[in-house]
Amino acid sequence: MRRRDFITLLGAAATSFGLAADLRGETGRVYRIGVLETIPVAQNAANLIGLLRGLRERGYVEGQNLQIEYR
């Protein structure tokens, strides 16, 4: 194996490993959602619980990879 082929192989392996980590969601990224309401959080609890449940089903957990700001 020539040196250039070896370096190309190492670069491809490193790139594919990074892509696989991104696809598994191991990027360490925290997503932020802003909720703007005209009523207090306590009165809108049922809708917010439904939002959190739907996000959790898709792999987003508040405090781990999701931050929600209520205003």
PDB file of N, CA and C in Angstrom:
ATOM      1  N   MET A   1       0.856  -1.169   0.000  1.00  0.00           N
ATOM      2  CA  MET A   1       0.000   0.000   0.000  1.00  0.00           C
ATOM      3  C   MET A   1       0.901   1.230   0.000  1.00  0.00           C
ATOM      4  N   ARG A   2       0.602   2.133  -0.892  1.00  0.00           N
ATOM      5  CA  ARG A   2       1.391   3.357  -0.972  1.00  0.00           C
ATOM      6  C   ARG A   2       0.975   4.339   0.118  1.00  0.00           C
ATOM      7  N   ARG A   3       1.882   5.245   0.406  1.00  0.00           N
ATOM      8  CA  ARG A   3       1.653   6.221   1.471  1.00  0.00           C
ATOM      9  C   ARG A   3       0.402   7.069   1.188  1.00  0.00           C
ATOM     10  N   ARG A   4       0.231   7.499  -0.043  1.00  0.00           N
ATOM     11  CA  ARG A   4      -0.920   8.338  -0.394  1.00  0.00           C
ATOM     12  C   ARG A   4      -2.233   7.573  -0.217  1.00  0.00           C
ATOM     13  N   ASP A   5      -2.261   6.314  -0.577  1.00  0.00           N
ATOM     14  CA  ASP A   5      -3.460   5.496  -0.388  1.00  0.00           C
ATOM     15  C   ASP A   5      -3.795   5.337   1.098  1.00  0.00           C
ATOM     16  N   PHE A   6      -2.753   5.154   1.905  1.00  0.00           N
ATOM     17  CA  PHE A   6      -2.946   4.993   3.338  1.00  0.00           C
ATOM     18  C   PHE A   6      -3.532   6.261   3.967  1.00  0.00           C
ATOM     19  N   ILE A   7      -2.993   7.418   3.580  1.00  0.00           N
ATOM     20  CA  ILE A   7      -3.493   8.690   4.111  1.00  0.00           C
ATOM     21  C   ILE A   7      -4.934   8.918   3.668  1.00  0.00           C
ATOM     22  N   THR A   8      -5.255   8.583   2.431  1.00  0.00           N
ATOM     23  CA  THR A   8      -6.631   8.703   1.948  1.00  0.00           C
ATOM     24  C   THR A   8      -7.566   7.800   2.733  1.00  0.00           C
ATOM     25  N   LEU A   9      -7.121   6.592   2.999  1.00  0.00           N
ATOM     26  CA  LEU A   9      -7.921   5.648   3.772  1.00  0.00           C
ATOM     27  C   LEU A   9      -8.173   6.175   5.189  1.00  0.00           C
ATOM     28  N   LEU A  10      -7.138   6.725   5.828  1.00  0.00           N
ATOM     29  CA  LEU A  10      -7.306   7.293   7.166  1.00  0.00           C
ATOM     30  C   LEU A  10      -8.284   8.467   7.157  1.00  0.00           C
ATOM     31  N   GLY A  11      -8.186   9.324   6.160  1.00  0.00           N
ATOM     32  CA  GLY A  11      -9.103  10.469   6.065  1.00  0.00           C
ATOM     33  C   GLY A  11     -10.542  10.026   5.871  1.00  0.00           C
ATOM     34  N   ALA A  12     -10.751   9.032   5.020  1.00  0.00           N
ATOM     35  CA  ALA A  12     -12.107   8.524   4.781  1.00  0.00           C
ATOM     36  C   ALA A  12     -12.676   7.877   6.036  1.00  0.00           C
ATOM     37  N   ALA A  13     -11.840   7.143   6.769  1.00  0.00           N
ATOM     38  CA  ALA A  13     -12.313   6.495   7.992  1.00  0.00           C
ATOM     39  C   ALA A  13     -12.689   7.534   9.046  1.00  0.00           C
ATOM     40  N   ALA A  14     -11.878   8.568   9.178  1.00  0.00           N
ATOM     41  CA  ALA A  14     -12.170   9.609  10.163  1.00  0.00           C
ATOM     42  C   ALA A  14     -13.455  10.353   9.803  1.00  0.00           C
ATOM     43  N   THR A  15     -13.647  10.630   8.523  1.00  0.00           N
ATOM     44  CA  THR A  15     -14.853  11.320   8.081  1.00  0.00           C
ATOM     45  C   THR A  15     -16.090  10.467   8.312  1.00  0.00           C
ATOM     46  N   SER A  16     -16.011   9.191   7.977  1.00  0.00           N
ATOM     47  CA  SER A  16     -17.180   8.327   8.152  1.00  0.00           C
ATOM     48  C   SER A  16     -17.498   8.115   9.632  1.00  0.00           C
ATOM     49  N   PHE A  17     -16.489   8.091  10.484  1.00  0.00           N
ATOM     50  CA  PHE A  17     -16.739   7.959  11.919  1.00  0.00           C
ATOM     51  C   PHE A  17     -17.474   9.192  12.448  1.00  0.00           C
ATOM     52  N   GLY A  18     -17.056  10.372  12.023  1.00  0.00           N
ATOM     53  CA  GLY A  18     -17.728  11.603  12.443  1.00  0.00           C
ATOM     54  C   GLY A  18     -19.154  11.657  11.948  1.00  0.00           C
ATOM     55  N   LEU A  19     -19.396  11.212  10.724  1.00  0.00           N
ATOM     56  CA  LEU A  19     -20.747  11.195  10.170  1.00  0.00           C
ATOM     57  C   LEU A  19     -21.618  10.209  10.938  1.00  0.00           C
ATOM     58  N   ALA A  20     -21.088   9.057  11.287  1.00  0.00           N
ATOM     59  CA  ALA A  20     -21.857   8.066  12.044  1.00  0.00           C
ATOM     60  C   ALA A  20     -22.207   8.606  13.425  1.00  0.00           C
ATOM     61  N   ALA A  21     -21.289   9.329  14.049  1.00  0.00           N
ATOM     62  CA  ALA A  21     -21.572   9.914  15.366  1.00  0.00           C
ATOM     63  C   ALA A  21     -22.683  10.950  15.255  1.00  0.00           C
ATOM     64  N   ASP A  22     -22.687  11.754  14.173  1.00  0.00           N
ATOM     65  CA  ASP A  22     -23.745  12.741  13.975  1.00  0.00           C
ATOM     66  C   ASP A  22     -25.088  12.060  13.772  1.00  0.00           C
ATOM     67  N   LEU A  23     -25.121  10.966  13.040  1.00  0.00           N
ATOM     68  CA  LEU A  23     -26.375  10.277  12.772  1.00  0.00           C
ATOM     69  C   LEU A  23     -26.945   9.646  14.037  1.00  0.00           C
ATOM     70  N   ARG A  24     -26.083   9.270  14.977  1.00  0.00           N
ATOM     71  CA  ARG A  24     -26.550   8.695  16.234  1.00  0.00           C
ATOM     72  C   ARG A  24     -26.955   9.770  17.230  1.00  0.00           C
ATOM     73  N   GLY A  25     -26.725  11.045  16.899  1.00  0.00           N
ATOM     74  CA  GLY A  25     -27.115  12.128  17.795  1.00  0.00           C
ATOM     75  C   GLY A  25     -26.110  12.394  18.895  1.00  0.00           C
ATOM     76  N   GLU A  26     -24.863  12.022  18.690  1.00  0.00           N
ATOM     77  CA  GLU A  26     -23.843  12.209  19.712  1.00  0.00           C
ATOM     78  C   GLU A  26     -23.034  13.477  19.457  1.00  0.00           C
ATOM     79  N   THR A  27     -23.678  14.516  18.991  1.00  0.00           N
ATOM     80  CA  THR A  27     -22.963  15.731  18.669  1.00  0.00           C
ATOM     81  C   THR A  27     -22.791  16.630  19.872  1.00  0.00           C
ATOM     82  N   GLY A  28     -23.550  16.391  20.934  1.00  0.00           N
ATOM     83  CA  GLY A  28     -23.472  17.243  22.099  1.00  0.00           C
ATOM     84  C   GLY A  28     -24.245  18.539  21.915  1.00  0.00           C
ATOM     85  N   ARG A  29     -24.987  18.657  20.856  1.00  0.00           N
ATOM     86  CA  ARG A  29     -25.741  19.868  20.556  1.00  0.00           C
ATOM     87  C   ARG A  29     -26.979  19.953  21.449  1.00  0.00           C
ATOM     88  N   VAL A  30     -27.252  21.156  21.938  1.00  0.00           N
ATOM     89  CA  VAL A  30     -28.454  21.410  22.725  1.00  0.00           C
ATOM     90  C   VAL A  30     -29.342  22.336  21.909  1.00  0.00           C
ATOM     91  N   TYR A  31     -30.546  21.886  21.630  1.00  0.00           N
ATOM     92  CA  TYR A  31     -31.499  22.677  20.867  1.00  0.00           C
ATOM     93  C   TYR A  31     -32.315  23.526  21.820  1.00  0.00           C
ATOM     94  N   ARG A  32     -32.672  24.728  21.384  1.00  0.00           N
ATOM     95  CA  ARG A  32     -33.422  25.661  22.219  1.00  0.00           C
ATOM     96  C   ARG A  32     -34.733  26.000  21.530  1.00  0.00           C
ATOM     97  N   ILE A  33     -35.820  25.882  22.278  1.00  0.00           N
ATOM     98  CA  ILE A  33     -37.154  26.219  21.787  1.00  0.00           C
ATOM     99  C   ILE A  33     -37.706  27.325  22.670  1.00  0.00           C
ATOM    100  N   GLY A  34     -38.246  28.350  22.039  1.00  0.00           N
ATOM    101  CA  GLY A  34     -38.882  29.433  22.776  1.00  0.00           C
ATOM    102  C   GLY A  34     -40.394  29.282  22.687  1.00  0.00           C
ATOM    103  N   VAL A  35     -41.059  29.380  23.820  1.00  0.00           N
ATOM    104  CA  VAL A  35     -42.523  29.298  23.866  1.00  0.00           C
ATOM    105  C   VAL A  35     -43.031  30.652  24.330  1.00  0.00           C
ATOM    106  N   LEU A  36     -43.776  31.332  23.461  1.00  0.00           N
ATOM    107  CA  LEU A  36     -44.323  32.645  23.778  1.00  0.00           C
ATOM    108  C   LEU A  36     -45.828  32.507  23.948  1.00  0.00           C
ATOM    109  N   GLU A  37     -46.308  32.752  25.148  1.00  0.00           N
ATOM    110  CA  GLU A  37     -47.728  32.574  25.469  1.00  0.00           C
ATOM    111  C   GLU A  37     -48.299  33.834  26.095  1.00  0.00           C
ATOM    112  N   THR A  38     -49.605  34.002  25.967  1.00  0.00           N
ATOM    113  CA  THR A  38     -50.283  35.128  26.607  1.00  0.00           C
ATOM    114  C   THR A  38     -50.930  34.724  27.933  1.00  0.00           C
ATOM    115  N   ILE A  39     -50.887  33.425  28.235  1.00  0.00           N
ATOM    116  CA  ILE A  39     -51.436  32.930  29.494  1.00  0.00           C
ATOM    117  C   ILE A  39     -50.308  32.298  30.306  1.00  0.00           C
ATOM    118  N   PRO A  40     -50.474  32.200  31.627  1.00  0.00           N
ATOM    119  CA  PRO A  40     -49.419  31.608  32.465  1.00  0.00           C
ATOM    120  C   PRO A  40     -49.159  30.135  32.120  1.00  0.00           C
ATOM    121  N   VAL A  41     -47.962  29.696  32.433  1.00  0.00           N
ATOM    122  CA  VAL A  41     -47.554  28.314  32.161  1.00  0.00           C
ATOM    123  C   VAL A  41     -48.499  27.325  32.835  1.00  0.00           C
ATOM    124  N   ALA A  42     -48.927  27.623  34.043  1.00  0.00           N
ATOM    125  CA  ALA A  42     -49.800  26.704  34.784  1.00  0.00           C
ATOM    126  C   ALA A  42     -51.127  26.470  34.060  1.00  0.00           C
ATOM    127  N   GLN A  43     -51.661  27.491  33.412  1.00  0.00           N
ATOM    128  CA  GLN A  43     -52.932  27.340  32.692  1.00  0.00           C
ATOM    129  C   GLN A  43     -52.760  26.615  31.362  1.00  0.00           C
ATOM    130  N   ASN A  44     -51.556  26.581  30.849  1.00  0.00           N
ATOM    131  CA  ASN A  44     -51.296  25.938  29.558  1.00  0.00           C
ATOM    132  C   ASN A  44     -50.526  24.629  29.728  1.00  0.00           C
ATOM    133  N   ALA A  45     -50.566  24.051  30.906  1.00  0.00           N
ATOM    134  CA  ALA A  45     -49.768  22.862  31.228  1.00  0.00           C
ATOM    135  C   ALA A  45     -50.090  21.676  30.324  1.00  0.00           C
ATOM    136  N   ALA A  46     -51.349  21.471  29.983  1.00  0.00           N
ATOM    137  CA  ALA A  46     -51.715  20.316  29.153  1.00  0.00           C
ATOM    138  C   ALA A  46     -51.050  20.392  27.775  1.00  0.00           C
ATOM    139  N   ASN A  47     -51.032  21.573  27.169  1.00  0.00           N
ATOM    140  CA  ASN A  47     -50.385  21.724  25.858  1.00  0.00           C
ATOM    141  C   ASN A  47     -48.878  21.532  25.955  1.00  0.00           C
ATOM    142  N   LEU A  48     -48.277  22.059  27.008  1.00  0.00           N
ATOM    143  CA  LEU A  48     -46.832  21.929  27.168  1.00  0.00           C
ATOM    144  C   LEU A  48     -46.422  20.484  27.442  1.00  0.00           C
ATOM    145  N   ILE A  49     -47.234  19.770  28.202  1.00  0.00           N
ATOM    146  CA  ILE A  49     -46.957  18.348  28.449  1.00  0.00           C
ATOM    147  C   ILE A  49     -47.026  17.567  27.145  1.00  0.00           C
ATOM    148  N   GLY A  50     -48.005  17.881  26.313  1.00  0.00           N
ATOM    149  CA  GLY A  50     -48.109  17.228  25.004  1.00  0.00           C
ATOM    150  C   GLY A  50     -46.910  17.535  24.116  1.00  0.00           C
ATOM    151  N   LEU A  51     -46.453  18.783  24.149  1.00  0.00           N
ATOM    152  CA  LEU A  51     -45.265  19.163  23.373  1.00  0.00           C
ATOM    153  C   LEU A  51     -44.047  18.376  23.841  1.00  0.00           C
ATOM    154  N   LEU A  52     -43.843  18.335  25.160  1.00  0.00           N
ATOM    155  CA  LEU A  52     -42.692  17.605  25.709  1.00  0.00           C
ATOM    156  C   LEU A  52     -42.765  16.112  25.397  1.00  0.00           C
ATOM    157  N   ARG A  53     -43.964  15.537  25.453  1.00  0.00           N
ATOM    158  CA  ARG A  53     -44.135  14.110  25.151  1.00  0.00           C
ATOM    159  C   ARG A  53     -43.768  13.826  23.686  1.00  0.00           C
ATOM    160  N   GLY A  54     -44.253  14.672  22.799  1.00  0.00           N
ATOM    161  CA  GLY A  54     -43.939  14.491  21.380  1.00  0.00           C
ATOM    162  C   GLY A  54     -42.453  14.639  21.082  1.00  0.00           C
ATOM    163  N   LEU A  55     -41.823  15.608  21.728  1.00  0.00           N
ATOM    164  CA  LEU A  55     -40.382  15.788  21.535  1.00  0.00           C
ATOM    165  C   LEU A  55     -39.604  14.612  22.111  1.00  0.00           C
ATOM    166  N   ARG A  56     -40.046  14.102  23.270  1.00  0.00           N
ATOM    167  CA  ARG A  56     -39.368  12.963  23.898  1.00  0.00           C
ATOM    168  C   ARG A  56     -39.441  11.724  23.014  1.00  0.00           C
ATOM    169  N   GLU A  57     -40.581  11.534  22.341  1.00  0.00           N
ATOM    170  CA  GLU A  57     -40.727  10.388  21.434  1.00  0.00           C
ATOM    171  C   GLU A  57     -39.740  10.463  20.277  1.00  0.00           C
ATOM    172  N   ARG A  58     -39.302  11.662  19.948  1.00  0.00           N
ATOM    173  CA  ARG A  58     -38.356  11.851  18.854  1.00  0.00           C
ATOM    174  C   ARG A  58     -36.910  11.978  19.333  1.00  0.00           C
ATOM    175  N   GLY A  59     -36.699  11.763  20.632  1.00  0.00           N
ATOM    176  CA  GLY A  59     -35.340  11.724  21.158  1.00  0.00           C
ATOM    177  C   GLY A  59     -34.839  13.008  21.795  1.00  0.00           C
ATOM    178  N   TYR A  60     -35.708  13.991  21.964  1.00  0.00           N
ATOM    179  CA  TYR A  60     -35.305  15.243  22.587  1.00  0.00           C
ATOM    180  C   TYR A  60     -35.796  15.268  24.033  1.00  0.00           C
ATOM    181  N   VAL A  61     -34.871  15.434  24.974  1.00  0.00           N
ATOM    182  CA  VAL A  61     -35.200  15.413  26.394  1.00  0.00           C
ATOM    183  C   VAL A  61     -34.726  16.725  27.014  1.00  0.00           C
ATOM    184  N   GLU A  62     -35.664  17.417  27.655  1.00  0.00           N
ATOM    185  CA  GLU A  62     -35.325  18.693  28.279  1.00  0.00           C
ATOM    186  C   GLU A  62     -34.269  18.465  29.357  1.00  0.00           C
ATOM    187  N   GLY A  63     -33.230  19.273  29.309  1.00  0.00           N
ATOM    188  CA  GLY A  63     -32.131  19.149  30.255  1.00  0.00           C
ATOM    189  C   GLY A  63     -30.981  18.322  29.721  1.00  0.00           C
ATOM    190  N   GLN A  64     -31.206  17.532  28.671  1.00  0.00           N
ATOM    191  CA  GLN A  64     -30.131  16.744  28.072  1.00  0.00           C
ATOM    192  C   GLN A  64     -29.721  17.332  26.736  1.00  0.00           C
ATOM    193  N   ASN A  65     -30.621  17.348  25.776  1.00  0.00           N
ATOM    194  CA  ASN A  65     -30.304  17.899  24.463  1.00  0.00           C
ATOM    195  C   ASN A  65     -31.347  18.929  24.020  1.00  0.00           C
ATOM    196  N   LEU A  66     -32.134  19.422  24.964  1.00  0.00           N
ATOM    197  CA  LEU A  66     -33.196  20.362  24.661  1.00  0.00           C
ATOM    198  C   LEU A  66     -33.359  21.348  25.811  1.00  0.00           C
ATOM    199  N   GLN A  67     -33.505  22.618  25.455  1.00  0.00           N
ATOM    200  CA  GLN A  67     -33.774  23.653  26.438  1.00  0.00           C
ATOM    201  C   GLN A  67     -35.008  24.425  25.986  1.00  0.00           C
ATOM    202  N   ILE A  68     -35.989  24.576  26.848  1.00  0.00           N
ATOM    203  CA  ILE A  68     -37.206  25.284  26.519  1.00  0.00           C
ATOM    204  C   ILE A  68     -37.276  26.538  27.374  1.00  0.00           C
ATOM    205  N   GLU A  69     -37.488  27.677  26.718  1.00  0.00           N
ATOM    206  CA  GLU A  69     -37.628  28.951  27.417  1.00  0.00           C
ATOM    207  C   GLU A  69     -39.064  29.418  27.301  1.00  0.00           C
ATOM    208  N   TYR A  70     -39.698  29.623  28.442  1.00  0.00           N
ATOM    209  CA  TYR A  70     -41.087  30.072  28.499  1.00  0.00           C
ATOM    210  C   TYR A  70     -41.115  31.577  28.712  1.00  0.00           C
ATOM    211  N   ARG A  71     -41.927  32.266  27.947  1.00  0.00           N
ATOM    212  CA  ARG A  71     -42.086  33.723  28.095  1.00  0.00           C
ATOM    213  C   ARG A  71     -43.542  34.063  28.072  1.00  0.00           C
TER     214      ARG A  71
END
